[in-house]
């Protein structure tokens, strides 16, 4: 049922689950056999998931950069989460 995608809340979902749901939405939209309104809802949810995945990747990249900059030091810099 294609409407199960729209029932999702915008709560934080683990990156892997967000990516999996996004892949399912794309596959569903590519079939092109759903009404326009449902397609728009799927697209909106896809945008939300894309933004959440991008944010998660940016946070991970920042953490990696901090770790690489401090290579050899025992003390790490605090992570700055600018939301």
Protein backbone atom coordinates (compact mmCIF):
# COMPACT_ATOMS: atom_id res chain seq x y z
CA UNK A 1 0.00 0.00 0.00
CA UNK A 2 1.54 3.28 -1.12
CA UNK A 3 -0.13 5.29 1.63
CA UNK A 4 2.04 3.67 4.29
CA UNK A 5 4.85 6.04 3.30
CA UNK A 6 2.78 9.10 4.12
CA UNK A 7 1.88 7.85 7.59
CA UNK A 8 5.45 8.25 8.80
CA UNK A 9 6.13 11.02 11.27
CA UNK A 10 9.09 13.37 10.90
CA UNK A 11 10.71 11.95 14.02
CA UNK A 12 14.34 11.00 13.81
CA UNK A 13 14.79 7.68 12.09
CA UNK A 14 18.13 5.88 11.87
CA UNK A 15 20.06 6.76 8.70
CA UNK A 16 19.84 3.27 7.22
CA UNK A 17 16.06 3.08 7.68
CA UNK A 18 15.63 6.56 6.17
CA UNK A 19 17.72 5.58 3.19
CA UNK A 20 15.78 2.34 2.73
CA UNK A 21 12.45 4.17 2.88
CA UNK A 22 13.74 6.74 0.39
CA UNK A 23 14.76 3.97 -2.02
CA UNK A 24 11.29 2.41 -1.71
CA UNK A 25 9.64 5.76 -2.40
CA UNK A 26 11.73 6.28 -5.53
CA UNK A 27 10.88 2.81 -6.81
CA UNK A 28 7.20 3.44 -6.11
CA UNK A 29 7.22 6.81 -7.87
CA UNK A 30 9.08 5.41 -10.88
CA UNK A 31 6.26 2.94 -11.49
CA UNK A 32 3.98 5.91 -12.18
CA UNK A 33 0.78 4.03 -11.33
CA UNK A 34 -0.42 6.18 -8.43
CA UNK A 35 -2.68 9.24 -8.41
CA UNK A 36 -1.09 12.68 -8.60
CA UNK A 37 -1.97 13.61 -5.01
CA UNK A 38 -0.33 10.42 -3.69
CA UNK A 39 2.71 11.08 -5.87
CA UNK A 40 3.05 14.55 -4.37
CA UNK A 41 2.81 13.14 -0.85
CA UNK A 42 5.47 10.54 -1.67
CA UNK A 43 7.66 13.27 -3.15
CA UNK A 44 7.24 15.43 -0.04
CA UNK A 45 8.19 12.53 2.22
CA UNK A 46 11.17 11.84 -0.04
CA UNK A 47 12.37 15.42 0.38
CA UNK A 48 12.08 15.10 4.17
CA UNK A 49 14.07 11.87 4.12
CA UNK A 50 16.70 13.33 1.80
CA UNK A 51 17.24 16.29 4.12
CA UNK A 52 17.46 14.01 7.16
CA UNK A 53 20.02 11.79 5.41
CA UNK A 54 22.08 14.79 4.31
CA UNK A 55 22.11 16.16 7.86
CA UNK A 56 23.18 12.78 9.27
CA UNK A 57 25.99 12.55 6.71
CA UNK A 58 27.17 16.08 7.51
CA UNK A 59 27.29 15.25 11.23
CA UNK A 60 29.24 12.07 10.55
CA UNK A 61 31.67 13.94 8.30
CA UNK A 62 32.23 16.58 10.97
CA UNK A 63 32.94 13.90 13.58
CA UNK A 64 35.44 12.20 11.25
CA UNK A 65 37.18 15.53 10.60
CA UNK A 66 37.47 16.18 14.34
CA UNK A 67 38.94 12.72 14.90
CA UNK A 68 41.42 13.10 12.04
CA UNK A 69 42.54 16.53 13.23
CA UNK A 70 43.19 15.16 16.69
CA UNK A 71 44.98 12.05 15.52
CA UNK A 72 47.62 11.25 18.08
CA UNK A 73 46.04 13.39 20.79
CA UNK A 74 44.18 11.69 23.58
CA UNK A 75 41.78 14.56 24.04
CA UNK A 76 39.07 15.18 21.42
CA UNK A 77 37.42 18.49 20.68
CA UNK A 78 33.73 18.69 21.60
CA UNK A 79 31.35 18.05 18.75
CA UNK A 80 29.37 21.14 17.70
CA UNK A 81 25.83 20.22 16.66
CA UNK A 82 24.40 23.31 15.04
CA UNK A 83 20.73 22.46 14.48
